[in-house]
């Protein structure tokens, strides 16, 4: 019996080298992409990234599931788990760790509730993120929810090169920021009635 793998997907560029890896491992047919990224603002940017993830899914002939866009909840989670003003944190600091924790836990829980056997995330091989934290947190959550964690045996530098190559080949949009853009959009937050 083939094991179902839920691959939490932050964006199309990051997922490409992982899908290429799974293709060579001959387990691509077991993979479902899960786009859960309520950190991405504005919504137009979120929609654009989702469009390209779906384009990649179509190219590799695999399903793409969209998680709920819980941006208000995400903002409140950050606010409730951090002591300082949200805009005072630098990239790859405590704010990113809290963001990853929120997204990873919701994604692993989704995997559990939908009978997936295994879980991994594109964030594991991101060249610009604290992958040690991401991998450790993913392992903890998978153990807690009884899901197998897949340790992606990919070199971050090589994956980044492959990503650029595949993006060019498939005409995939490559964004220039993670999602929340660190300089949080004050107007957006004001409209969400979330004080920071």
Protein backbone atom coordinates (compact mmCIF):
# COMPACT_ATOMS: atom_id res chain seq x y z
CA UNK A 1 0.00 0.00 0.00
CA UNK A 2 1.33 3.42 -0.98
CA UNK A 3 1.70 5.90 1.85
CA UNK A 4 0.02 9.27 1.44
CA UNK A 5 2.38 12.22 1.90
CA UNK A 6 1.15 15.71 2.74
CA UNK A 7 3.68 18.28 1.57
CA UNK A 8 3.02 21.66 3.18
CA UNK A 9 3.85 24.14 0.43
CA UNK A 10 4.84 27.75 1.02
CA UNK A 11 5.18 28.64 -2.68
CA UNK A 12 5.75 27.25 -6.16
CA UNK A 13 9.52 27.95 -6.38
CA UNK A 14 10.27 26.16 -3.10
CA UNK A 15 8.21 23.10 -3.96
CA UNK A 16 9.78 22.49 -7.39
CA UNK A 17 13.10 20.91 -6.28
CA UNK A 18 11.25 18.76 -3.74
CA UNK A 19 8.84 17.43 -6.35
CA UNK A 20 11.81 16.77 -8.62
CA UNK A 21 13.40 14.83 -5.75
CA UNK A 22 10.20 12.84 -5.12
CA UNK A 23 9.97 12.09 -8.84
CA UNK A 24 13.44 10.55 -8.79
CA UNK A 25 12.51 8.63 -5.62
CA UNK A 26 9.46 7.30 -7.53
CA UNK A 27 7.03 8.40 -4.83
CA UNK A 28 5.57 11.47 -6.56
CA UNK A 29 2.20 9.72 -7.02
CA UNK A 30 1.82 9.58 -3.22
CA UNK A 31 2.21 13.35 -2.74
CA UNK A 32 -0.50 15.96 -2.15
CA UNK A 33 0.42 19.64 -1.88
CA UNK A 34 -1.12 21.61 0.98
CA UNK A 35 -1.07 25.38 0.56
CA UNK A 36 -1.60 26.79 4.05
CA UNK A 37 -0.04 30.24 4.37
CA UNK A 38 -2.20 32.78 6.21
CA UNK A 39 0.97 34.83 6.76
CA UNK A 40 0.94 36.04 3.17
CA UNK A 41 -0.33 39.59 2.74
CA UNK A 42 -1.87 41.24 0.88
CA UNK A 43 -4.52 38.74 -0.31
CA UNK A 44 -3.61 39.51 -3.93
CA UNK A 45 -0.10 38.19 -3.25
CA UNK A 46 -1.57 35.11 -1.57
CA UNK A 47 -3.81 34.44 -4.60
CA UNK A 48 -0.90 34.90 -7.00
CA UNK A 49 1.25 32.35 -5.13
CA UNK A 50 -1.61 29.89 -4.94
CA UNK A 51 -2.15 30.23 -8.70
CA UNK A 52 1.46 29.21 -9.37
CA UNK A 53 1.34 26.34 -6.86
CA UNK A 54 -1.70 25.04 -8.76
CA UNK A 55 0.22 25.46 -12.02
CA UNK A 56 3.03 23.30 -10.60
CA UNK A 57 0.51 20.74 -9.34
CA UNK A 58 -0.98 20.51 -12.81
CA UNK A 59 2.46 20.12 -14.39
CA UNK A 60 3.36 17.23 -12.05
CA UNK A 61 -0.21 15.86 -12.13
CA UNK A 62 -0.67 15.98 -8.35
CA UNK A 63 -3.45 17.38 -6.19
CA UNK A 64 -3.26 20.76 -4.51
CA UNK A 65 -5.36 21.40 -1.42
CA UNK A 66 -5.87 24.93 -0.13
CA UNK A 67 -6.02 25.53 3.61
CA UNK A 68 -8.19 28.25 5.05
CA UNK A 69 -6.85 31.80 4.83
CA UNK A 70 -6.89 32.43 8.60
CA UNK A 71 -4.92 35.66 8.50
CA UNK A 72 -6.71 37.29 11.44
CA UNK A 73 -6.17 34.20 13.57
CA UNK A 74 -2.50 34.06 12.51
CA UNK A 75 -1.99 37.70 13.53
CA UNK A 76 -3.64 37.10 16.91
CA UNK A 77 -1.52 33.99 17.46
CA UNK A 78 1.66 36.00 16.86
CA UNK A 79 0.46 38.81 19.11
CA UNK A 80 -0.40 36.35 21.90
CA UNK A 81 2.92 34.49 21.70
CA UNK A 82 5.32 37.42 21.41
CA UNK A 83 6.13 40.11 23.96
CA UNK A 84 7.18 42.97 21.69
CA UNK A 85 5.45 44.92 18.96
CA UNK A 86 5.28 42.60 15.92
CA UNK A 87 7.14 45.05 13.69
CA UNK A 88 10.17 45.12 16.02
CA UNK A 89 11.34 41.57 15.17
CA UNK A 90 13.94 40.90 12.50
CA UNK A 91 13.71 38.05 10.02
CA UNK A 92 14.67 34.59 11.32
CA UNK A 93 14.05 35.63 14.90
CA UNK A 94 11.33 34.75 17.42
CA UNK A 95 8.53 36.09 15.24
CA UNK A 96 9.40 33.73 12.38
CA UNK A 97 9.62 30.80 14.82
CA UNK A 98 6.12 31.55 16.12
CA UNK A 99 4.81 31.90 12.56
CA UNK A 100 6.34 28.55 11.59
CA UNK A 101 4.92 26.89 14.69
CA UNK A 102 1.41 28.09 13.85
CA UNK A 103 1.56 26.99 10.21
CA UNK A 104 3.27 23.68 10.90
CA UNK A 105 0.92 22.64 13.69
CA UNK A 106 -2.18 23.43 11.63
CA UNK A 107 -0.70 21.52 8.69
CA UNK A 108 0.33 18.42 10.66
CA UNK A 109 -3.11 18.38 12.32
CA UNK A 110 -4.70 18.57 8.86
CA UNK A 111 -2.56 15.58 7.80
CA UNK A 112 -3.73 13.61 10.82
CA UNK A 113 -7.40 14.48 10.36
CA UNK A 114 -7.30 13.55 6.67
CA UNK A 115 -5.54 10.20 7.05
CA UNK A 116 -2.15 11.09 5.62
CA UNK A 117 0.67 8.78 6.67
CA UNK A 118 3.55 11.23 6.31
CA UNK A 119 4.30 14.93 6.45
CA UNK A 120 7.01 17.28 5.24
CA UNK A 121 7.25 20.96 4.33
CA UNK A 122 9.00 23.04 1.72
CA UNK A 123 10.30 25.15 4.61
CA UNK A 124 12.72 22.31 5.49
CA UNK A 125 15.04 23.17 2.60
CA UNK A 126 14.59 26.93 2.43
CA UNK A 127 17.92 28.67 1.90
CA UNK A 128 16.88 31.77 3.85
CA UNK A 129 15.10 30.30 6.89
CA UNK A 130 16.12 28.63 10.15
CA UNK A 131 15.67 25.09 8.88
CA UNK A 132 17.04 23.56 12.10
CA UNK A 133 14.09 25.04 14.00
CA UNK A 134 11.62 24.07 11.26
CA UNK A 135 12.81 20.45 11.12
CA UNK A 136 12.88 20.06 14.91
CA UNK A 137 9.41 21.59 15.31
CA UNK A 138 8.04 19.43 12.48
CA UNK A 139 9.45 16.30 14.11
CA UNK A 140 7.91 17.21 17.48
CA UNK A 141 4.51 17.89 15.95
CA UNK A 142 4.55 14.72 13.85
CA UNK A 143 5.43 12.66 16.89
CA UNK A 144 2.66 14.33 18.90
CA UNK A 145 0.01 13.68 16.24
CA UNK A 146 1.27 10.23 15.23
CA UNK A 147 2.37 11.11 11.70
CA UNK A 148 5.62 10.01 10.08
CA UNK A 149 8.00 12.91 9.41
CA UNK A 150 9.91 12.81 6.13
CA UNK A 151 13.39 14.24 6.42
CA UNK A 152 14.12 15.67 2.98
CA UNK A 153 17.67 14.76 2.11
CA UNK A 154 18.32 17.77 -0.05
CA UNK A 155 21.20 20.20 0.05
CA UNK A 156 19.76 23.72 0.44
CA UNK A 157 22.22 25.29 -2.01
CA UNK A 158 21.59 22.63 -4.65
CA UNK A 159 17.83 22.84 -4.12
CA UNK A 160 18.01 26.61 -4.63
CA UNK A 161 19.88 26.17 -7.92
CA UNK A 162 17.35 23.57 -9.09
CA UNK A 163 14.51 25.89 -8.07
CA UNK A 164 15.83 28.71 -10.25
CA UNK A 165 16.34 26.37 -13.18
CA UNK A 166 12.83 24.89 -12.93
CA UNK A 167 11.16 28.28 -12.40
CA UNK A 168 12.70 29.52 -15.62
CA UNK A 169 11.73 26.35 -17.50
CA UNK A 170 8.10 26.43 -16.30
CA UNK A 171 7.68 30.24 -16.19
CA UNK A 172 6.98 30.34 -12.45
CA UNK A 173 6.67 33.57 -10.45
CA UNK A 174 9.47 33.99 -7.89
CA UNK A 175 8.47 36.33 -5.07
CA UNK A 176 11.00 38.55 -3.32
CA UNK A 177 9.72 38.19 0.25
CA UNK A 178 8.56 35.43 2.59
CA UNK A 179 4.95 36.43 3.00
CA UNK A 180 4.39 38.90 5.81
CA UNK A 181 7.14 41.10 4.33
CA UNK A 182 8.44 41.92 7.86
CA UNK A 183 7.32 45.52 7.48
CA UNK A 184 3.77 44.55 8.29
CA UNK A 185 1.18 46.37 6.24
CA UNK A 186 -0.28 48.73 8.86
CA UNK A 187 -3.31 49.56 6.74
CA UNK A 188 -4.07 45.87 6.33
CA UNK A 189 -3.80 45.18 10.05
CA UNK A 190 -5.92 48.19 10.90
CA UNK A 191 -8.61 46.81 8.58
CA UNK A 192 -8.39 43.48 10.42
CA UNK A 193 -9.01 45.16 13.80
CA UNK A 194 -5.89 43.58 15.29
CA UNK A 195 -3.80 45.87 17.43
CA UNK A 196 -0.09 45.28 17.32
